[in-house]
Protein backbone atom coordinates (compact mmCIF):
# COMPACT_ATOMS: atom_id res chain seq x y z
CA MET A 1 10.34 44.25 30.84
CA PHE A 2 7.94 42.53 33.28
CA LYS A 3 5.40 42.32 30.53
CA LYS A 4 7.98 40.57 28.32
CA PHE A 5 8.68 38.07 31.09
CA ARG A 6 4.97 37.41 31.54
CA ASN A 7 4.63 36.75 27.79
CA ILE A 8 7.56 34.34 27.87
CA GLU A 9 6.09 32.56 30.91
CA THR A 10 2.68 32.35 29.26
CA ALA A 11 4.24 31.02 26.07
CA PHE A 12 6.20 28.47 28.08
CA GLN A 13 3.02 27.33 29.85
CA HIS A 14 1.27 26.96 26.50
CA VAL A 15 4.19 24.96 25.08
CA ARG A 16 4.26 22.75 28.19
CA ALA A 17 0.50 22.15 28.05
CA PHE A 18 0.72 21.37 24.35
CA THR A 19 3.64 18.98 24.95
CA ILE A 20 1.77 17.18 27.74
CA ALA A 21 -1.29 16.86 25.48
CA ILE A 22 0.86 15.41 22.69
CA ILE A 23 2.51 12.93 25.07
CA ALA A 24 -0.89 11.89 26.49
CA CYS A 25 -2.26 11.37 22.98
CA ALA A 26 0.83 9.35 22.06
CA PHE A 27 0.38 7.08 25.12
CA LEU A 28 -3.30 6.65 24.30
CA ALA A 29 -2.44 5.75 20.70
CA ILE A 30 0.21 3.26 21.86
CA GLY A 31 -2.18 1.72 24.39
CA PHE A 32 -4.93 1.39 21.76
CA THR A 33 -2.47 -0.15 19.29
CA VAL A 34 -1.25 -2.70 21.88
CA TYR A 35 -4.86 -3.57 22.81
CA GLN A 36 -5.86 -4.04 19.18
CA SER A 37 -2.75 -6.13 18.54
CA HIS A 38 -3.60 -8.46 21.45
CA ARG A 39 -7.15 -8.81 20.16
CA LEU A 40 -5.89 -9.60 16.65
CA ILE A 41 -3.41 -12.18 17.97
CA ALA A 42 -6.12 -13.83 20.09
CA THR A 43 -8.44 -13.98 17.07
CA ILE A 44 -5.72 -15.47 14.86
CA GLN A 45 -4.78 -18.06 17.50
CA SER A 46 -8.42 -19.10 17.90
CA ARG A 47 -8.66 -19.97 14.22
CA VAL A 48 -7.83 -23.47 13.10
CA TYR A 49 -7.36 -24.45 9.47
CA ILE A 50 -8.22 -28.03 8.52
CA LEU A 51 -7.16 -29.69 5.29
CA PHE A 52 -10.01 -31.96 4.12
CA ASN A 53 -10.13 -33.60 0.70
CA GLY A 54 -7.66 -31.07 -0.68
CA LYS A 55 -9.66 -28.09 0.62
CA VAL A 56 -8.70 -25.75 3.45
CA LEU A 57 -11.57 -25.38 5.92
CA ASP A 58 -11.71 -22.65 8.53
CA ALA A 59 -12.66 -23.72 12.05
CA LEU A 60 -12.86 -21.83 15.31
CA ALA A 61 -11.07 -23.08 18.41
CA ALA A 62 -12.96 -22.86 21.70
CA ASP A 63 -12.70 -23.98 25.28
CA ARG A 64 -14.17 -27.38 26.02
CA LYS A 65 -16.64 -25.87 28.49
CA ASP A 66 -18.28 -24.04 25.57
CA ASN A 67 -18.98 -27.34 23.77
CA VAL A 68 -19.57 -29.91 26.53
CA ALA A 69 -23.22 -30.44 25.62
CA VAL A 70 -22.47 -30.84 21.90
CA GLU A 71 -19.53 -33.20 22.48
CA ALA A 72 -21.47 -35.24 25.04
CA ARG A 73 -24.43 -35.77 22.70
CA ASP A 74 -22.14 -36.67 19.80
CA HIS A 75 -20.21 -39.14 21.98
CA ILE A 76 -23.42 -40.90 23.00
CA LYS A 77 -24.76 -40.87 19.43
CA THR A 78 -21.51 -42.28 18.03
CA PHE A 79 -21.39 -45.06 20.62
CA HIS A 80 -24.96 -46.20 19.95
CA GLU A 81 -24.56 -46.10 16.18
CA LEU A 82 -21.36 -48.16 16.35
CA PHE A 83 -22.76 -50.65 18.86
CA PHE A 84 -26.13 -51.27 17.20
CA THR A 85 -25.34 -50.92 13.47
CA LEU A 86 -24.64 -54.46 12.28
CA SER A 87 -24.40 -56.28 8.96
CA PRO A 88 -23.89 -59.87 7.78
CA ASP A 89 -20.14 -59.25 7.86
CA ASP A 90 -18.29 -60.49 10.92
CA LYS A 91 -15.20 -58.39 10.24
CA ALA A 92 -17.18 -55.14 9.86
CA ASN A 93 -19.20 -55.89 12.99
CA LYS A 94 -16.11 -56.55 15.08
CA ALA A 95 -14.51 -53.34 13.83
CA ASN A 96 -17.56 -51.25 14.78
CA LEU A 97 -18.03 -52.96 18.13
CA GLY A 98 -14.33 -52.58 18.92
CA LYS A 99 -14.60 -48.82 18.33
CA ALA A 100 -17.77 -48.64 20.43
CA LEU A 101 -16.19 -50.40 23.41
CA TYR A 102 -13.50 -47.70 23.62
CA LEU A 103 -16.30 -45.22 24.37
CA ALA A 104 -17.89 -47.06 27.32
CA ASP A 105 -16.94 -49.02 30.43
CA GLU A 106 -17.52 -52.65 31.40
CA THR A 107 -21.32 -52.28 31.29
CA ALA A 108 -21.14 -52.14 27.49
CA LYS A 109 -18.58 -54.96 27.40
CA ARG A 110 -20.90 -57.08 29.56
CA GLU A 111 -23.81 -56.45 27.16
CA TYR A 112 -21.58 -57.36 24.22
CA ASP A 113 -20.51 -60.60 25.94
CA ASN A 114 -24.15 -61.50 26.71
CA LEU A 115 -25.19 -60.98 23.09
CA SER A 116 -22.19 -62.98 21.85
CA GLU A 117 -22.91 -65.90 24.19
CA SER A 118 -26.57 -65.94 23.16
CA GLY A 119 -25.56 -66.24 19.49
CA TYR A 120 -27.01 -62.86 18.53
CA TYR A 121 -24.13 -61.81 16.28
CA ALA A 122 -23.86 -65.29 14.74
CA ASN A 123 -27.58 -65.14 13.88
CA ILE A 124 -27.09 -61.74 12.23
CA ILE A 125 -24.47 -63.25 9.92
CA SER A 126 -26.16 -66.57 9.22
CA GLY A 127 -29.53 -64.93 8.57
CA ASN A 128 -28.12 -62.18 6.32
CA ILE A 129 -29.67 -59.60 8.62
CA SER A 130 -28.85 -55.92 8.58
CA GLN A 131 -29.41 -53.79 11.66
CA GLN A 132 -29.45 -50.00 11.50
CA LEU A 133 -29.87 -47.43 14.24
CA HIS A 134 -31.02 -43.83 14.02
CA VAL A 135 -30.57 -41.72 17.15
CA ASP A 136 -33.64 -39.50 17.48
CA SER A 137 -32.53 -37.43 20.47
CA VAL A 138 -30.14 -37.39 23.42
CA ASN A 139 -30.87 -35.66 26.72
CA VAL A 140 -27.83 -34.89 28.89
CA ASP A 141 -28.03 -33.37 32.38
CA LEU A 142 -24.94 -31.17 32.81
CA ARG A 143 -25.97 -29.83 36.20
CA ASN A 144 -24.43 -32.74 38.11
CA TYR A 145 -21.26 -34.75 37.51
CA PRO A 146 -21.03 -37.47 36.27
CA TYR A 147 -23.49 -36.34 33.61
CA SER A 148 -26.56 -38.57 33.36
CA PHE A 149 -28.17 -39.07 29.96
CA LYS A 150 -31.08 -40.70 28.20
CA CYS A 151 -30.85 -41.71 24.54
CA PHE A 152 -33.90 -42.22 22.31
CA ALA A 153 -33.35 -44.13 19.07
CA THR A 154 -35.15 -46.08 16.34
CA GLN A 155 -33.77 -49.47 15.40
CA SER A 156 -34.43 -51.16 12.06
CA ILE A 157 -33.83 -54.90 11.70
CA ILE A 158 -33.91 -55.84 8.02
CA ARG A 159 -34.43 -59.52 7.20
CA THR A 160 -35.06 -61.19 3.86
CA SER A 161 -38.75 -61.64 4.72
CA SER A 162 -39.49 -58.56 6.85
CA THR A 163 -38.34 -55.28 8.33
CA VAL A 164 -38.87 -54.72 12.03
CA THR A 165 -38.80 -51.20 13.48
CA ARG A 166 -38.10 -50.99 17.19
CA SER A 167 -37.97 -48.26 19.79
CA LEU A 168 -34.74 -48.16 21.80
CA VAL A 169 -34.23 -46.12 24.96
CA THR A 170 -31.04 -46.32 27.01
CA THR A 171 -29.66 -44.51 30.04
CA GLY A 172 -26.25 -44.02 31.56
CA GLU A 173 -23.68 -41.53 32.77
CA LEU A 174 -20.70 -39.75 31.25
CA ARG A 175 -17.43 -39.13 33.03
CA ASN A 176 -14.37 -37.28 31.79
CA ILE A 177 -11.23 -39.11 30.69
CA GLY A 178 -8.23 -38.13 28.57
CA ARG A 179 -8.75 -37.66 24.87
CA SER A 180 -7.19 -40.13 22.47
CA ASP A 181 -7.47 -41.29 18.86
CA ASN A 182 -9.90 -43.99 20.00
CA ASN A 183 -11.88 -41.58 22.18
CA PRO A 184 -11.63 -38.06 20.70
CA HIS A 185 -14.34 -36.55 22.92
CA GLY A 186 -12.68 -37.57 26.17
CA PHE A 187 -15.83 -39.08 27.71
CA LEU A 188 -16.57 -42.58 28.98
CA ILE A 189 -20.09 -44.00 29.22
CA GLN A 190 -20.75 -45.80 32.49
CA ARG A 191 -23.76 -47.53 34.09
CA TRP A 192 -25.18 -48.01 30.61
CA ALA A 193 -28.51 -49.87 30.48
CA THR A 194 -31.34 -50.46 28.02
CA ILE A 195 -34.69 -49.54 29.56
CA GLU A 196 -36.86 -50.01 26.48
CA ASN A 197 -36.56 -52.05 23.29
CA THR A 198 -40.00 -52.72 21.88
CA ASP A 199 -41.41 -53.38 18.41
CA LEU A 200 -43.14 -50.45 16.73
CA LYS A 201 -44.09 -52.07 13.45
CA VAL A 202 -43.35 -55.08 11.24
CA ILE A 203 -43.44 -54.85 7.45
CA ASN A 204 -43.57 -58.21 5.65
CA ARG A 205 -42.06 -58.43 2.20
């Protein structure tokens, strides 16, 4: 009889151990499923789909801190291209300059006013001059805030009789502001100054 009891007790222990193992495996499976679900949801939420020219483009959302350097360089590049790209069309020039002035503080507005008062923009129109700017490189120091930068660009001034190529180097700082339609990067250029603007070559036509 005692042997029968021992067999029953042993069987009960085996059943209990097996049940505990099954429950532990079930909890592990549930935990793994929840973890994978959270990862999948995070991946889905980080994806952004953009409709462009009738095509759906896949983009990846990221924190701003991951793209500060890229956004800062693009902000500076965009400002310089808008400010210095001119044509013999007053309306087009004002549109570009208006967009540029949203990206910088009063130092850019002061430079614009100085050029306007000196007749620079009027001469562009009356002389049928085109001015193009190519940004070669932008160095941004992200170690200290506001972020200081130096922009290196090549400026082409195309006249009827000649084409002048100039070297343009500017400096300034970037500070954070709220994003808007007029300032999508959320930066503002301040203490902007031109430190070099010299002729590289002149090609006569």
